[in-house]
Amino acid sequence: MTDEQPREGAIVSSGTSGTSEPADLRSPILAEDLLLLLFQPRSGRRGGAGDIAGEGTLYYVLAGAVLADLGLGEHVRTGTGRIGTTTVEAVADNPPSDHLLRSSWEYIAGKPRSVQTVLAARGPGLREPLLDRLVARGDLNRRQRKTLGLFRTSVLEEGDSGRRAGLLADVRAVLVDGAEPTTRVAALAALLYGSGTLPQFSRDIPWTSAVITRAEELKDGDWGADAAAKAVTRTMAANIVSSVIVAAAAAAPRS
């Protein structure tokens, strides 16, 4: 039904994505979880449509999630460049199986690169294939409609999987209720904070000094005893999140 109106919680975007590789649906990668959380089904946009928070700097954040995933899987390691910048290099004998992660791993495998370079190079191509995966999983629904009776647009709505609500509950438990995070939830919450969008979640995660303090701790790699990542891996993730914050802050005035 191409002329149907989007229900509450939809996001309208121009064009469609038909060029992505088939989604690897064995398990969601961190960037999928992050993008699903950033989808705002209750943004209040006219007509009941939703939004993706932080679109202006989204590609830095998604690329940061990919790098964090590679770090947590020990597919890459970080170092320090000649001018003190954080660099990342591939672990040669440990490529990831997920094709989106592997694509970024192969880019890094050529030579060590600064994190900022990787964010800028890999980020722009991530949004659409990640959305395709979320649609394939049923976390989001994609519909077609016409605007002004002429122009075909793609409408994304929250699906019925309930996975976004579960992710949000996990992040809230850590930031608001003081729960010990798993490694994945710790990284997800840190990236969400690093994206600068956390205040937009105030309906579910109040923007309080206690929340900010805990988010800062997660950003710095203080994840608690239940997060099983090694100390070096936590430090790597913290360096990546810090690089995301720097990149997003630099791009924000131009957004």
C-alpha atoms as a PDB file:
ATOM      1  CA  MET A   1       0.000   0.000   0.000  1.00  0.00           C
ATOM      2  CA  THR A   2       2.038   2.910  -1.258  1.00  0.00           C
ATOM      3  CA  ASP A   3      -0.194   5.739  -0.077  1.00  0.00           C
ATOM      4  CA  GLU A   4      -0.723   4.723   3.523  1.00  0.00           C
ATOM      5  CA  GLN A   5       0.049   7.179   6.263  1.00  0.00           C
ATOM      6  CA  PRO A   6       2.774   6.258   8.747  1.00  0.00           C
ATOM      7  CA  ARG A   7       1.572   5.348  12.196  1.00  0.00           C
ATOM      8  CA  GLU A   8       2.967   7.064  15.257  1.00  0.00           C
ATOM      9  CA  GLY A   9       6.647   6.296  15.665  1.00  0.00           C
ATOM     10  CA  ALA A  10       7.614   6.442  11.988  1.00  0.00           C
ATOM     11  CA  ILE A  11      10.593   8.122  10.420  1.00  0.00           C
ATOM     12  CA  VAL A  12      10.372   9.395   6.860  1.00  0.00           C
ATOM     13  CA  SER A  13      13.478   9.433   4.734  1.00  0.00           C
ATOM     14  CA  SER A  14      13.978  10.125   1.040  1.00  0.00           C
ATOM     15  CA  GLY A  15      14.851   7.229  -1.214  1.00  0.00           C
ATOM     16  CA  THR A  16      15.349   3.569  -0.438  1.00  0.00           C
ATOM     17  CA  SER A  17      18.309   1.319   0.108  1.00  0.00           C
ATOM     18  CA  GLY A  18      18.523  -1.571  -2.301  1.00  0.00           C
ATOM     19  CA  THR A  19      22.266  -1.902  -2.729  1.00  0.00           C
ATOM     20  CA  SER A  20      23.354  -3.338   0.610  1.00  0.00           C
ATOM     21  CA  GLU A  21      24.736  -6.819   1.000  1.00  0.00           C
ATOM     22  CA  PRO A  22      22.399  -9.426   2.519  1.00  0.00           C
ATOM     23  CA  ALA A  23      22.160  -8.932   6.253  1.00  0.00           C
ATOM     24  CA  ASP A  24      24.100 -11.260   8.525  1.00  0.00           C
ATOM     25  CA  LEU A  25      21.387 -12.089  11.025  1.00  0.00           C
ATOM     26  CA  ARG A  26      23.185 -14.501  13.311  1.00  0.00           C
ATOM     27  CA  SER A  27      23.435 -11.879  16.042  1.00  0.00           C
ATOM     28  CA  PRO A  28      23.182  -8.065  16.062  1.00  0.00           C
ATOM     29  CA  ILE A  29      26.424  -6.150  16.104  1.00  0.00           C
ATOM     30  CA  LEU A  30      26.890  -3.220  18.467  1.00  0.00           C
ATOM     31  CA  ALA A  31      26.273  -0.644  15.718  1.00  0.00           C
ATOM     32  CA  GLU A  32      22.851  -2.205  15.038  1.00  0.00           C
ATOM     33  CA  ASP A  33      21.895  -1.938  18.686  1.00  0.00           C
ATOM     34  CA  LEU A  34      23.081   1.661  18.796  1.00  0.00           C
ATOM     35  CA  LEU A  35      21.171   2.683  15.681  1.00  0.00           C
ATOM     36  CA  LEU A  36      18.029   0.965  16.959  1.00  0.00           C
ATOM     37  CA  LEU A  37      18.292   2.868  20.236  1.00  0.00           C
ATOM     38  CA  LEU A  38      18.856   6.151  18.391  1.00  0.00           C
ATOM     39  CA  PHE A  39      15.614   5.627  16.475  1.00  0.00           C
ATOM     40  CA  GLN A  40      13.089   7.835  18.289  1.00  0.00           C
ATOM     41  CA  PRO A  41       9.541   6.483  17.900  1.00  0.00           C
ATOM     42  CA  ARG A  42       8.056   9.305  19.992  1.00  0.00           C
ATOM     43  CA  SER A  43       9.967  12.320  18.756  1.00  0.00           C
ATOM     44  CA  GLY A  44       6.805  14.388  18.266  1.00  0.00           C
ATOM     45  CA  ARG A  45       7.523  15.357  14.692  1.00  0.00           C
ATOM     46  CA  ARG A  46       4.510  16.631  12.749  1.00  0.00           C
ATOM     47  CA  GLY A  47       2.321  13.819  11.456  1.00  0.00           C
ATOM     48  CA  GLY A  48       3.452  11.393  14.147  1.00  0.00           C
ATOM     49  CA  ALA A  49       6.727  10.529  12.391  1.00  0.00           C
ATOM     50  CA  GLY A  50       9.766   9.573  14.429  1.00  0.00           C
ATOM     51  CA  ASP A  51      13.394  10.473  14.058  1.00  0.00           C
ATOM     52  CA  ILE A  52      16.920   9.144  14.399  1.00  0.00           C
ATOM     53  CA  ALA A  53      18.693  11.148  17.050  1.00  0.00           C
ATOM     54  CA  GLY A  54      21.993  12.782  16.134  1.00  0.00           C
ATOM     55  CA  GLU A  55      21.722  12.425  12.351  1.00  0.00           C
ATOM     56  CA  GLY A  56      24.270  15.200  11.821  1.00  0.00           C
ATOM     57  CA  THR A  57      27.087  13.204  13.410  1.00  0.00           C
ATOM     58  CA  LEU A  58      25.602   9.731  13.081  1.00  0.00           C
ATOM     59  CA  TYR A  59      28.329   8.253  10.922  1.00  0.00           C
ATOM     60  CA  TYR A  60      31.037   9.003  13.489  1.00  0.00           C
ATOM     61  CA  VAL A  61      28.991   7.263  16.166  1.00  0.00           C
ATOM     62  CA  LEU A  62      28.175   4.193  14.073  1.00  0.00           C
ATOM     63  CA  ALA A  63      31.801   3.820  13.001  1.00  0.00           C
ATOM     64  CA  GLY A  64      32.793   4.143  16.650  1.00  0.00           C
ATOM     65  CA  ALA A  65      30.431   1.280  17.488  1.00  0.00           C
ATOM     66  CA  VAL A  66      32.016  -0.847  14.764  1.00  0.00           C
ATOM     67  CA  LEU A  67      35.492  -0.111  16.110  1.00  0.00           C
ATOM     68  CA  ALA A  68      34.353  -0.845  19.668  1.00  0.00           C
ATOM     69  CA  ASP A  69      32.941  -4.185  18.506  1.00  0.00           C
ATOM     70  CA  LEU A  70      36.222  -5.004  16.779  1.00  0.00           C
ATOM     71  CA  GLY A  71      38.073  -4.092  19.950  1.00  0.00           C
ATOM     72  CA  LEU A  72      35.833  -6.139  22.233  1.00  0.00           C
ATOM     73  CA  GLY A  73      36.314  -9.127  19.916  1.00  0.00           C
ATOM     74  CA  GLU A  74      40.094  -8.566  19.969  1.00  0.00           C
ATOM     75  CA  HIS A  75      40.101  -8.150  16.180  1.00  0.00           C
ATOM     76  CA  VAL A  76      41.979  -4.840  16.504  1.00  0.00           C
ATOM     77  CA  ARG A  77      44.291  -3.185  18.988  1.00  0.00           C
ATOM     78  CA  THR A  78      44.953   0.487  19.644  1.00  0.00           C
ATOM     79  CA  GLY A  79      48.247   2.331  19.912  1.00  0.00           C
ATOM     80  CA  THR A  80      49.627   5.855  19.905  1.00  0.00           C
ATOM     81  CA  GLY A  81      50.674   7.745  16.794  1.00  0.00           C
ATOM     82  CA  ARG A  82      53.676  10.008  16.392  1.00  0.00           C
ATOM     83  CA  ILE A  83      51.761  13.111  17.445  1.00  0.00           C
ATOM     84  CA  GLY A  84      49.937  11.414  20.305  1.00  0.00           C
ATOM     85  CA  THR A  85      46.790  10.442  18.414  1.00  0.00           C
ATOM     86  CA  THR A  86      45.060   7.122  19.079  1.00  0.00           C
ATOM     87  CA  THR A  87      45.742   4.629  16.291  1.00  0.00           C
ATOM     88  CA  VAL A  88      44.137   1.289  15.525  1.00  0.00           C
ATOM     89  CA  GLU A  89      45.608  -1.742  13.785  1.00  0.00           C
ATOM     90  CA  ALA A  90      44.193  -5.119  12.826  1.00  0.00           C
ATOM     91  CA  VAL A  91      45.088  -8.327  14.647  1.00  0.00           C
ATOM     92  CA  ALA A  92      46.249 -10.297  11.624  1.00  0.00           C
ATOM     93  CA  ASP A  93      45.117 -13.768  12.658  1.00  0.00           C
ATOM     94  CA  ASN A  94      41.706 -12.770  14.050  1.00  0.00           C
ATOM     95  CA  PRO A  95      39.364 -11.390  11.351  1.00  0.00           C
ATOM     96  CA  PRO A  96      35.686 -11.049  12.312  1.00  0.00           C
ATOM     97  CA  SER A  97      33.090 -13.203  10.579  1.00  0.00           C
ATOM     98  CA  ASP A  98      30.407 -10.495  10.318  1.00  0.00           C
ATOM     99  CA  HIS A  99      30.738  -8.886   6.886  1.00  0.00           C
ATOM    100  CA  LEU A 100      30.236  -5.277   8.040  1.00  0.00           C
ATOM    101  CA  LEU A 101      32.829  -5.673  10.779  1.00  0.00           C
ATOM    102  CA  ARG A 102      35.152  -7.476   8.396  1.00  0.00           C
ATOM    103  CA  SER A 103      34.952  -4.692   5.829  1.00  0.00           C
ATOM    104  CA  SER A 104      36.242  -2.196   8.392  1.00  0.00           C
ATOM    105  CA  TRP A 105      38.809  -4.713   9.657  1.00  0.00           C
ATOM    106  CA  GLU A 106      40.151  -5.125   6.122  1.00  0.00           C
ATOM    107  CA  TYR A 107      40.432  -1.344   5.755  1.00  0.00           C
ATOM    108  CA  ILE A 108      42.487  -1.216   8.942  1.00  0.00           C
ATOM    109  CA  ALA A 109      44.530  -4.308   7.998  1.00  0.00           C
ATOM    110  CA  GLY A 110      46.369  -2.355   5.283  1.00  0.00           C
ATOM    111  CA  LYS A 111      48.240  -0.310   7.867  1.00  0.00           C
ATOM    112  CA  PRO A 112      47.678   1.255  11.298  1.00  0.00           C
ATOM    113  CA  ARG A 113      45.418   4.275  11.010  1.00  0.00           C
ATOM    114  CA  SER A 114      44.276   6.980  13.384  1.00  0.00           C
ATOM    115  CA  VAL A 115      40.869   6.373  14.932  1.00  0.00           C
ATOM    116  CA  GLN A 116      39.682   9.697  13.528  1.00  0.00           C
ATOM    117  CA  THR A 117      40.656   8.566  10.015  1.00  0.00           C
ATOM    118  CA  VAL A 118      38.751   5.305  10.413  1.00  0.00           C
ATOM    119  CA  LEU A 119      35.648   7.098  11.732  1.00  0.00           C
ATOM    120  CA  ALA A 120      35.597   9.466   8.757  1.00  0.00           C
ATOM    121  CA  ALA A 121      36.342   6.791   6.150  1.00  0.00           C
ATOM    122  CA  ARG A 122      34.090   3.982   7.329  1.00  0.00           C
ATOM    123  CA  GLY A 123      31.170   5.826   8.899  1.00  0.00           C
ATOM    124  CA  PRO A 124      29.318   7.246   5.878  1.00  0.00           C
ATOM    125  CA  GLY A 125      28.556   3.821   4.409  1.00  0.00           C
ATOM    126  CA  LEU A 126      27.100   2.247   7.538  1.00  0.00           C
ATOM    127  CA  ARG A 127      23.656   3.805   8.042  1.00  0.00           C
ATOM    128  CA  GLU A 128      21.757   2.095   5.216  1.00  0.00           C
ATOM    129  CA  PRO A 129      23.087  -1.471   5.572  1.00  0.00           C
ATOM    130  CA  LEU A 130      22.503  -1.271   9.320  1.00  0.00           C
ATOM    131  CA  LEU A 131      18.931  -0.100   8.726  1.00  0.00           C
ATOM    132  CA  ASP A 132      18.478  -2.995   6.283  1.00  0.00           C
ATOM    133  CA  ARG A 133      19.502  -5.409   9.022  1.00  0.00           C
ATOM    134  CA  LEU A 134      17.112  -3.888  11.527  1.00  0.00           C
ATOM    135  CA  VAL A 135      14.296  -4.197   8.989  1.00  0.00           C
ATOM    136  CA  ALA A 136      15.241  -7.802   8.178  1.00  0.00           C
ATOM    137  CA  ARG A 137      15.138  -8.657  11.889  1.00  0.00           C
ATOM    138  CA  GLY A 138      11.732  -7.024  12.354  1.00  0.00           C
ATOM    139  CA  ASP A 139      13.111  -4.410  14.741  1.00  0.00           C
ATOM    140  CA  LEU A 140      12.011  -1.742  12.255  1.00  0.00           C
ATOM    141  CA  ASN A 141       9.509  -1.845   9.403  1.00  0.00           C
ATOM    142  CA  ARG A 142      10.069  -0.127   6.054  1.00  0.00           C
ATOM    143  CA  ARG A 143       7.057   1.048   4.055  1.00  0.00           C
ATOM    144  CA  GLN A 144       6.672   3.047   0.869  1.00  0.00           C
ATOM    145  CA  ARG A 145       4.374   6.027   0.484  1.00  0.00           C
ATOM    146  CA  LYS A 146       3.876   9.011  -1.783  1.00  0.00           C
ATOM    147  CA  THR A 147       4.221  12.602  -0.657  1.00  0.00           C
ATOM    148  CA  LEU A 148       2.290  15.329  -2.460  1.00  0.00           C
ATOM    149  CA  GLY A 149       0.897  12.513  -4.592  1.00  0.00           C
ATOM    150  CA  LEU A 150       4.135  12.413  -6.611  1.00  0.00           C
ATOM    151  CA  PHE A 151       7.289  11.589  -4.688  1.00  0.00           C
ATOM    152  CA  ARG A 152       7.949   8.139  -3.314  1.00  0.00           C
ATOM    153  CA  THR A 153       9.582   8.050   0.114  1.00  0.00           C
ATOM    154  CA  SER A 154      10.686   5.330   2.482  1.00  0.00           C
ATOM    155  CA  VAL A 155       9.019   5.261   5.885  1.00  0.00           C
ATOM    156  CA  LEU A 156      10.609   3.474   8.816  1.00  0.00           C
ATOM    157  CA  GLU A 157       8.483   2.461  11.795  1.00  0.00           C
ATOM    158  CA  GLU A 158       9.278   0.590  14.976  1.00  0.00           C
ATOM    159  CA  GLY A 159       8.686  -3.135  14.529  1.00  0.00           C
ATOM    160  CA  ASP A 160       7.086  -5.628  16.856  1.00  0.00           C
ATOM    161  CA  SER A 161      10.234  -7.411  18.037  1.00  0.00           C
ATOM    162  CA  GLY A 162      10.413  -5.432  21.288  1.00  0.00           C
ATOM    163  CA  ARG A 163      14.195  -5.371  21.057  1.00  0.00           C
ATOM    164  CA  ARG A 164      14.508  -1.584  21.294  1.00  0.00           C
ATOM    165  CA  ALA A 165      12.531  -1.555  24.532  1.00  0.00           C
ATOM    166  CA  GLY A 166      14.787  -4.265  25.918  1.00  0.00           C
ATOM    167  CA  LEU A 167      17.956  -2.384  25.001  1.00  0.00           C
ATOM    168  CA  LEU A 168      16.615   0.817  26.506  1.00  0.00           C
ATOM    169  CA  ALA A 169      15.691  -1.006  29.714  1.00  0.00           C
ATOM    170  CA  ASP A 170      19.214  -2.446  29.955  1.00  0.00           C
ATOM    171  CA  VAL A 171      20.830   0.965  29.506  1.00  0.00           C
ATOM    172  CA  ARG A 172      18.430   2.587  31.955  1.00  0.00           C
ATOM    173  CA  ALA A 173      19.163  -0.097  34.570  1.00  0.00           C
ATOM    174  CA  VAL A 174      22.869   0.736  34.387  1.00  0.00           C
ATOM    175  CA  LEU A 175      22.618   4.533  34.233  1.00  0.00           C
ATOM    176  CA  VAL A 176      19.640   5.117  36.528  1.00  0.00           C
ATOM    177  CA  ASP A 177      19.299   2.076  38.776  1.00  0.00           C
ATOM    178  CA  GLY A 178      22.987   1.394  39.329  1.00  0.00           C
ATOM    179  CA  ALA A 179      22.972  -2.119  37.864  1.00  0.00           C
ATOM    180  CA  GLU A 180      26.300  -3.680  36.949  1.00  0.00           C
ATOM    181  CA  PRO A 181      26.536  -3.718  33.143  1.00  0.00           C
ATOM    182  CA  THR A 182      27.519  -6.527  30.848  1.00  0.00           C
ATOM    183  CA  THR A 183      30.384  -5.665  28.536  1.00  0.00           C
ATOM    184  CA  ARG A 184      28.012  -5.032  25.644  1.00  0.00           C
ATOM    185  CA  VAL A 185      25.624  -2.804  27.595  1.00  0.00           C
ATOM    186  CA  ALA A 186      28.546  -0.852  29.054  1.00  0.00           C
ATOM    187  CA  ALA A 187      29.910  -0.154  25.573  1.00  0.00           C
ATOM    188  CA  LEU A 188      26.444   0.701  24.259  1.00  0.00           C
ATOM    189  CA  ALA A 189      25.742   3.159  27.079  1.00  0.00           C
ATOM    190  CA  ALA A 190      29.172   4.754  26.690  1.00  0.00           C
ATOM    191  CA  LEU A 191      28.648   5.226  22.953  1.00  0.00           C
ATOM    192  CA  LEU A 192      25.163   6.611  23.501  1.00  0.00           C
ATOM    193  CA  TYR A 193      26.607   9.157  25.911  1.00  0.00           C
ATOM    194  CA  GLY A 194      29.501   9.872  23.563  1.00  0.00           C
ATOM    195  CA  SER A 195      27.083  10.579  20.723  1.00  0.00           C
ATOM    196  CA  GLY A 196      25.715  13.565  22.645  1.00  0.00           C
ATOM    197  CA  THR A 197      22.139  12.322  22.273  1.00  0.00           C
ATOM    198  CA  LEU A 198      21.529  11.001  25.790  1.00  0.00           C
ATOM    199  CA  PRO A 199      19.539  14.114  26.861  1.00  0.00           C
ATOM    200  CA  GLN A 200      16.985  13.215  24.169  1.00  0.00           C
ATOM    201  CA  PHE A 201      16.170  10.070  26.166  1.00  0.00           C
ATOM    202  CA  SER A 202      15.098  12.056  29.229  1.00  0.00           C
ATOM    203  CA  ARG A 203      11.598  10.539  29.232  1.00  0.00           C
ATOM    204  CA  ASP A 204      13.146   7.129  29.969  1.00  0.00           C
ATOM    205  CA  ILE A 205      16.608   8.083  31.284  1.00  0.00           C
ATOM    206  CA  PRO A 206      16.403  11.307  33.324  1.00  0.00           C
ATOM    207  CA  TRP A 207      19.243  13.708  32.530  1.00  0.00           C
ATOM    208  CA  THR A 208      20.510  14.048  36.101  1.00  0.00           C
ATOM    209  CA  SER A 209      23.908  14.607  37.659  1.00  0.00           C
ATOM    210  CA  ALA A 210      23.971  10.973  38.845  1.00  0.00           C
ATOM    211  CA  VAL A 211      23.291   9.717  35.309  1.00  0.00           C
ATOM    212  CA  ILE A 212      25.977  11.994  33.891  1.00  0.00           C
ATOM    213  CA  THR A 213      28.491  10.795  36.486  1.00  0.00           C
ATOM    214  CA  ARG A 214      27.804   7.137  35.690  1.00  0.00           C
ATOM    215  CA  ALA A 215      27.919   7.778  31.953  1.00  0.00           C
ATOM    216  CA  GLU A 216      31.293   9.491  32.378  1.00  0.00           C
ATOM    217  CA  GLU A 217      32.571   6.438  34.261  1.00  0.00           C
ATOM    218  CA  LEU A 218      31.437   4.139  31.469  1.00  0.00           C
ATOM    219  CA  LYS A 219      33.016   6.413  28.884  1.00  0.00           C
ATOM    220  CA  ASP A 220      36.314   6.130  30.760  1.00  0.00           C
ATOM    221  CA  GLY A 221      36.143   2.324  30.890  1.00  0.00           C
ATOM    222  CA  ASP A 222      34.945   1.916  34.500  1.00  0.00           C
ATOM    223  CA  TRP A 223      32.450  -0.837  33.750  1.00  0.00           C
ATOM    224  CA  GLY A 224      32.299  -2.740  37.049  1.00  0.00           C
ATOM    225  CA  ALA A 225      33.044  -6.320  37.998  1.00  0.00           C
ATOM    226  CA  ASP A 226      30.359  -7.970  35.880  1.00  0.00           C
ATOM    227  CA  ALA A 227      31.677  -6.587  32.582  1.00  0.00           C
ATOM    228  CA  ALA A 228      34.055  -9.356  31.568  1.00  0.00           C
ATOM    229  CA  ALA A 229      36.199  -7.389  29.110  1.00  0.00           C
ATOM    230  CA  LYS A 230      39.901  -7.279  29.912  1.00  0.00           C
ATOM    231  CA  ALA A 231      41.318  -4.029  31.243  1.00  0.00           C
ATOM    232  CA  VAL A 232      43.192  -3.404  27.987  1.00  0.00           C
ATOM    233  CA  THR A 233      39.974  -3.914  26.019  1.00  0.00           C
ATOM    234  CA  ARG A 234      38.092  -1.491  28.247  1.00  0.00           C
ATOM    235  CA  THR A 235      40.843   1.074  27.740  1.00  0.00           C
ATOM    236  CA  MET A 236      40.644   0.550  23.988  1.00  0.00           C
ATOM    237  CA  ALA A 237      36.875   1.065  24.004  1.00  0.00           C
ATOM    238  CA  ALA A 238      37.299   4.176  26.166  1.00  0.00           C
ATOM    239  CA  ASN A 239      39.811   5.600  23.677  1.00  0.00           C
ATOM    240  CA  ILE A 240      37.419   4.936  20.808  1.00  0.00           C
ATOM    241  CA  VAL A 241      34.474   6.572  22.589  1.00  0.00           C
ATOM    242  CA  SER A 242      36.648   9.599  23.407  1.00  0.00           C
ATOM    243  CA  SER A 243      37.570   9.864  19.722  1.00  0.00           C
ATOM    244  CA  VAL A 244      33.880   9.733  18.800  1.00  0.00           C
ATOM    245  CA  ILE A 245      33.172  12.593  21.206  1.00  0.00           C
ATOM    246  CA  VAL A 246      35.948  14.707  19.673  1.00  0.00           C
ATOM    247  CA  ALA A 247      34.799  13.978  16.106  1.00  0.00           C
ATOM    248  CA  ALA A 248      31.129  14.612  16.875  1.00  0.00           C
ATOM    249  CA  ALA A 249      31.895  17.850  18.700  1.00  0.00           C
ATOM    250  CA  ALA A 250      33.976  19.087  15.771  1.00  0.00           C
ATOM    251  CA  ALA A 251      31.222  18.274  13.285  1.00  0.00           C
ATOM    252  CA  ALA A 252      28.292  19.550  15.365  1.00  0.00           C
ATOM    253  CA  PRO A 253      28.567  23.262  14.386  1.00  0.00           C
ATOM    254  CA  ARG A 254      28.345  22.238  10.741  1.00  0.00           C
ATOM    255  CA  SER A 255      25.372  19.914  11.271  1.00  0.00           C
END
